[in-house]
C-alpha atoms as a PDB file:
ATOM      1  CA  UNK A   1       0.000   0.000   0.000  1.00  0.00           C
ATOM      2  CA  UNK A   2       1.266   3.468  -0.905  1.00  0.00           C
ATOM      3  CA  UNK A   3       2.066   5.889   1.934  1.00  0.00           C
ATOM      4  CA  UNK A   4      -0.452   8.707   2.279  1.00  0.00           C
ATOM      5  CA  UNK A   5       0.772  12.175   1.316  1.00  0.00           C
ATOM      6  CA  UNK A   6       1.431  14.373   4.355  1.00  0.00           C
ATOM      7  CA  UNK A   7      -0.305  17.730   4.362  1.00  0.00           C
ATOM      8  CA  UNK A   8      -0.436  20.523   6.894  1.00  0.00           C
ATOM      9  CA  UNK A   9      -3.731  22.291   7.446  1.00  0.00           C
ATOM     10  CA  UNK A  10      -3.917  26.027   7.921  1.00  0.00           C
ATOM     11  CA  UNK A  11      -6.821  27.505   9.877  1.00  0.00           C
ATOM     12  CA  UNK A  12      -9.002  28.378   6.879  1.00  0.00           C
ATOM     13  CA  UNK A  13      -9.309  24.721   5.816  1.00  0.00           C
ATOM     14  CA  UNK A  14     -11.233  23.965   9.016  1.00  0.00           C
ATOM     15  CA  UNK A  15     -13.561  26.884   8.383  1.00  0.00           C
ATOM     16  CA  UNK A  16     -14.281  25.646   4.859  1.00  0.00           C
ATOM     17  CA  UNK A  17     -14.947  22.150   6.212  1.00  0.00           C
ATOM     18  CA  UNK A  18     -17.463  23.330   8.801  1.00  0.00           C
ATOM     19  CA  UNK A  19     -19.345  25.581   6.379  1.00  0.00           C
ATOM     20  CA  UNK A  20     -19.575  22.531   4.092  1.00  0.00           C
ATOM     21  CA  UNK A  21     -17.528  24.128   1.328  1.00  0.00           C
ATOM     22  CA  UNK A  22     -16.356  21.415  -1.063  1.00  0.00           C
ATOM     23  CA  UNK A  23     -12.775  22.702  -1.013  1.00  0.00           C
ATOM     24  CA  UNK A  24     -12.513  22.008   2.712  1.00  0.00           C
ATOM     25  CA  UNK A  25     -14.645  18.880   2.827  1.00  0.00           C
ATOM     26  CA  UNK A  26     -12.634  17.238   0.035  1.00  0.00           C
ATOM     27  CA  UNK A  27      -9.359  17.716   1.925  1.00  0.00           C
ATOM     28  CA  UNK A  28     -10.714  16.521   5.281  1.00  0.00           C
ATOM     29  CA  UNK A  29     -12.588  13.580   3.703  1.00  0.00           C
ATOM     30  CA  UNK A  30      -9.348  12.433   2.042  1.00  0.00           C
ATOM     31  CA  UNK A  31      -7.759  12.415   5.501  1.00  0.00           C
ATOM     32  CA  UNK A  32     -10.641  10.209   6.714  1.00  0.00           C
ATOM     33  CA  UNK A  33     -10.065   7.842   3.761  1.00  0.00           C
ATOM     34  CA  UNK A  34      -6.349   7.649   4.508  1.00  0.00           C
ATOM     35  CA  UNK A  35      -5.229   9.058   1.149  1.00  0.00           C
ATOM     36  CA  UNK A  36      -3.874  12.107   2.990  1.00  0.00           C
ATOM     37  CA  UNK A  37      -2.176  12.343   6.376  1.00  0.00           C
ATOM     38  CA  UNK A  38      -3.214  15.569   8.111  1.00  0.00           C
ATOM     39  CA  UNK A  39      -1.119  17.719  10.432  1.00  0.00           C
ATOM     40  CA  UNK A  40      -1.831  21.043  12.131  1.00  0.00           C
ATOM     41  CA  UNK A  41      -0.609  23.083  15.102  1.00  0.00           C
ATOM     42  CA  UNK A  42      -2.283  23.844  18.416  1.00  0.00           C
ATOM     43  CA  UNK A  43      -1.887  27.499  17.459  1.00  0.00           C
ATOM     44  CA  UNK A  44      -4.019  26.976  14.337  1.00  0.00           C
ATOM     45  CA  UNK A  45      -6.745  25.492  16.521  1.00  0.00           C
ATOM     46  CA  UNK A  46      -6.533  28.516  18.836  1.00  0.00           C
ATOM     47  CA  UNK A  47      -6.831  30.795  15.798  1.00  0.00           C
ATOM     48  CA  UNK A  48      -9.762  28.773  14.458  1.00  0.00           C
ATOM     49  CA  UNK A  49     -11.471  28.981  17.860  1.00  0.00           C
ATOM     50  CA  UNK A  50     -11.211  32.748  18.236  1.00  0.00           C
ATOM     51  CA  UNK A  51     -12.151  33.456  14.621  1.00  0.00           C
ATOM     52  CA  UNK A  52     -15.175  31.156  14.905  1.00  0.00           C
ATOM     53  CA  UNK A  53     -16.097  32.729  18.236  1.00  0.00           C
ATOM     54  CA  UNK A  54     -15.992  36.199  16.642  1.00  0.00           C
ATOM     55  CA  UNK A  55     -18.298  35.228  13.777  1.00  0.00           C
ATOM     56  CA  UNK A  56     -20.504  32.425  15.129  1.00  0.00           C
ATOM     57  CA  UNK A  57     -20.212  32.539  18.923  1.00  0.00           C
ATOM     58  CA  UNK A  58     -18.429  30.599  21.619  1.00  0.00           C
ATOM     59  CA  UNK A  59     -20.720  27.557  21.576  1.00  0.00           C
ATOM     60  CA  UNK A  60     -20.052  26.934  17.871  1.00  0.00           C
ATOM     61  CA  UNK A  61     -16.324  27.435  18.469  1.00  0.00           C
ATOM     62  CA  UNK A  62     -16.365  24.865  21.311  1.00  0.00           C
ATOM     63  CA  UNK A  63     -18.354  22.236  19.390  1.00  0.00           C
ATOM     64  CA  UNK A  64     -16.371  22.508  16.167  1.00  0.00           C
ATOM     65  CA  UNK A  65     -13.000  22.508  17.913  1.00  0.00           C
ATOM     66  CA  UNK A  66     -13.961  19.310  19.776  1.00  0.00           C
ATOM     67  CA  UNK A  67     -14.951  17.819  16.413  1.00  0.00           C
ATOM     68  CA  UNK A  68     -11.549  18.705  14.911  1.00  0.00           C
ATOM     69  CA  UNK A  69      -9.781  17.043  17.842  1.00  0.00           C
ATOM     70  CA  UNK A  70     -11.825  13.873  17.261  1.00  0.00           C
ATOM     71  CA  UNK A  71     -10.619  13.653  13.632  1.00  0.00           C
ATOM     72  CA  UNK A  72      -7.586  11.621  12.532  1.00  0.00           C
ATOM     73  CA  UNK A  73      -5.446  14.770  12.288  1.00  0.00           C
ATOM     74  CA  UNK A  74      -2.134  14.998  14.112  1.00  0.00           C
ATOM     75  CA  UNK A  75      -2.152  18.133  16.250  1.00  0.00           C
ATOM     76  CA  UNK A  76       1.361  19.321  17.051  1.00  0.00           C
ATOM     77  CA  UNK A  77       2.140  21.129  20.287  1.00  0.00           C
ATOM     78  CA  UNK A  78       4.890  23.715  19.917  1.00  0.00           C
ATOM     79  CA  UNK A  79       8.194  22.466  21.216  1.00  0.00           C
ATOM     80  CA  UNK A  80      11.583  24.163  21.266  1.00  0.00           C
ATOM     81  CA  UNK A  81      12.850  23.252  17.766  1.00  0.00           C
ATOM     82  CA  UNK A  82       9.555  24.099  16.076  1.00  0.00           C
ATOM     83  CA  UNK A  83       9.297  27.313  18.094  1.00  0.00           C
ATOM     84  CA  UNK A  84      12.811  28.363  17.084  1.00  0.00           C
ATOM     85  CA  UNK A  85      12.073  27.652  13.414  1.00  0.00           C
ATOM     86  CA  UNK A  86       8.789  29.574  13.620  1.00  0.00           C
ATOM     87  CA  UNK A  87      10.481  32.509  15.348  1.00  0.00           C
ATOM     88  CA  UNK A  88      13.127  32.713  12.613  1.00  0.00           C
ATOM     89  CA  UNK A  89      10.427  32.643   9.920  1.00  0.00           C
ATOM     90  CA  UNK A  90       8.443  35.358  11.702  1.00  0.00           C
ATOM     91  CA  UNK A  91      11.594  37.471  11.894  1.00  0.00           C
ATOM     92  CA  UNK A  92      12.430  36.879   8.208  1.00  0.00           C
ATOM     93  CA  UNK A  93       8.882  37.651   7.055  1.00  0.00           C
ATOM     94  CA  UNK A  94       7.842  40.223   9.675  1.00  0.00           C
ATOM     95  CA  UNK A  95       4.938  42.275   8.484  1.00  0.00           C
ATOM     96  CA  UNK A  96       3.923  39.587   5.962  1.00  0.00           C
ATOM     97  CA  UNK A  97       2.935  36.614   8.114  1.00  0.00           C
ATOM     98  CA  UNK A  98       1.422  36.114  11.545  1.00  0.00           C
ATOM     99  CA  UNK A  99       3.050  34.088  14.307  1.00  0.00           C
ATOM    100  CA  UNK A 100       0.451  31.347  13.700  1.00  0.00           C
ATOM    101  CA  UNK A 101       1.413  31.335  10.001  1.00  0.00           C
ATOM    102  CA  UNK A 102       5.086  31.026  10.919  1.00  0.00           C
ATOM    103  CA  UNK A 103       4.300  27.917  12.997  1.00  0.00           C
ATOM    104  CA  UNK A 104       2.345  26.156  10.236  1.00  0.00           C
ATOM    105  CA  UNK A 105       5.150  26.966   7.781  1.00  0.00           C
ATOM    106  CA  UNK A 106       7.755  25.611  10.217  1.00  0.00           C
ATOM    107  CA  UNK A 107       5.652  22.475  10.741  1.00  0.00           C
ATOM    108  CA  UNK A 108       5.307  22.017   6.974  1.00  0.00           C
ATOM    109  CA  UNK A 109       9.076  22.233   6.562  1.00  0.00           C
ATOM    110  CA  UNK A 110       9.832  19.973   9.518  1.00  0.00           C
ATOM    111  CA  UNK A 111       7.482  17.176   8.413  1.00  0.00           C
ATOM    112  CA  UNK A 112       7.883  17.775   4.652  1.00  0.00           C
ATOM    113  CA  UNK A 113       4.154  18.424   4.311  1.00  0.00           C
ATOM    114  CA  UNK A 114       2.346  20.151   1.502  1.00  0.00           C
ATOM    115  CA  UNK A 115       0.620  23.151   3.071  1.00  0.00           C
ATOM    116  CA  UNK A 116      -3.090  23.559   2.360  1.00  0.00           C
ATOM    117  CA  UNK A 117      -4.210  27.119   3.059  1.00  0.00           C
ATOM    118  CA  UNK A 118      -6.709  29.846   2.226  1.00  0.00           C
ATOM    119  CA  UNK A 119      -4.054  32.536   2.743  1.00  0.00           C
ATOM    120  CA  UNK A 120      -2.575  33.790  -0.560  1.00  0.00           C
ATOM    121  CA  UNK A 121       0.458  35.260   1.245  1.00  0.00           C
ATOM    122  CA  UNK A 122       1.585  31.772   2.302  1.00  0.00           C
ATOM    123  CA  UNK A 123       1.457  30.680  -1.346  1.00  0.00           C
ATOM    124  CA  UNK A 124       3.249  33.860  -2.504  1.00  0.00           C
ATOM    125  CA  UNK A 125       6.255  33.495  -0.209  1.00  0.00           C
ATOM    126  CA  UNK A 126       6.805  29.998  -1.635  1.00  0.00           C
ATOM    127  CA  UNK A 127       8.690  28.430   1.293  1.00  0.00           C
ATOM    128  CA  UNK A 128       7.017  25.034   1.027  1.00  0.00           C
ATOM    129  CA  UNK A 129       4.854  23.224  -1.490  1.00  0.00           C
ATOM    130  CA  UNK A 130       1.492  24.954  -1.087  1.00  0.00           C
ATOM    131  CA  UNK A 131      -2.047  24.435  -2.315  1.00  0.00           C
ATOM    132  CA  UNK A 132      -4.123  27.607  -2.125  1.00  0.00           C
ATOM    133  CA  UNK A 133      -7.852  27.148  -1.656  1.00  0.00           C
ATOM    134  CA  UNK A 134      -8.917  30.494  -3.055  1.00  0.00           C
ATOM    135  CA  UNK A 135     -11.784  32.093  -1.153  1.00  0.00           C
ATOM    136  CA  UNK A 136     -13.186  35.603  -1.329  1.00  0.00           C
ATOM    137  CA  UNK A 137     -12.190  37.779   1.630  1.00  0.00           C
ATOM    138  CA  UNK A 138     -14.961  39.211   3.790  1.00  0.00           C
ATOM    139  CA  UNK A 139     -14.443  42.764   4.950  1.00  0.00           C
ATOM    140  CA  UNK A 140     -16.982  43.181   7.723  1.00  0.00           C
ATOM    141  CA  UNK A 141     -17.673  40.906  10.651  1.00  0.00           C
ATOM    142  CA  UNK A 142     -20.138  41.358  13.464  1.00  0.00           C
ATOM    143  CA  UNK A 143     -18.795  40.010  16.752  1.00  0.00           C
ATOM    144  CA  UNK A 144     -21.211  38.137  19.017  1.00  0.00           C
ATOM    145  CA  UNK A 145     -21.209  39.540  22.520  1.00  0.00           C
ATOM    146  CA  UNK A 146     -20.056  36.232  24.065  1.00  0.00           C
ATOM    147  CA  UNK A 147     -16.484  36.620  22.782  1.00  0.00           C
END
């Protein structure tokens, strides 16, 4: 049997999955089938949580984050080597990428994963093999009062 391709999942992929967008569901479903091996960082889950909380409320953020953790996706906790790599990337690309982005890029390099993202900047900087799931950017968000 052929080894599954390793991919790293940026925050936006989870959002697409939970809004039932085919771009996100296809990626996550291929992880379920074993044709892809999924990786992400704890920091991406924190980012997903707060962004979901801002747009859909804390209860939705809690439920969907628990669902992500129940999936066959390897969730990496930052450790010293990964943190040092992420810090160097953040320093090199300051002003272009967030700290969370620097971690997912460092993880992608460390585990030789193809990065799957909705962030065009991560594709533009071309540090790792990257698949961009192109989505329109929303400009206004109403924050629920529970966050």
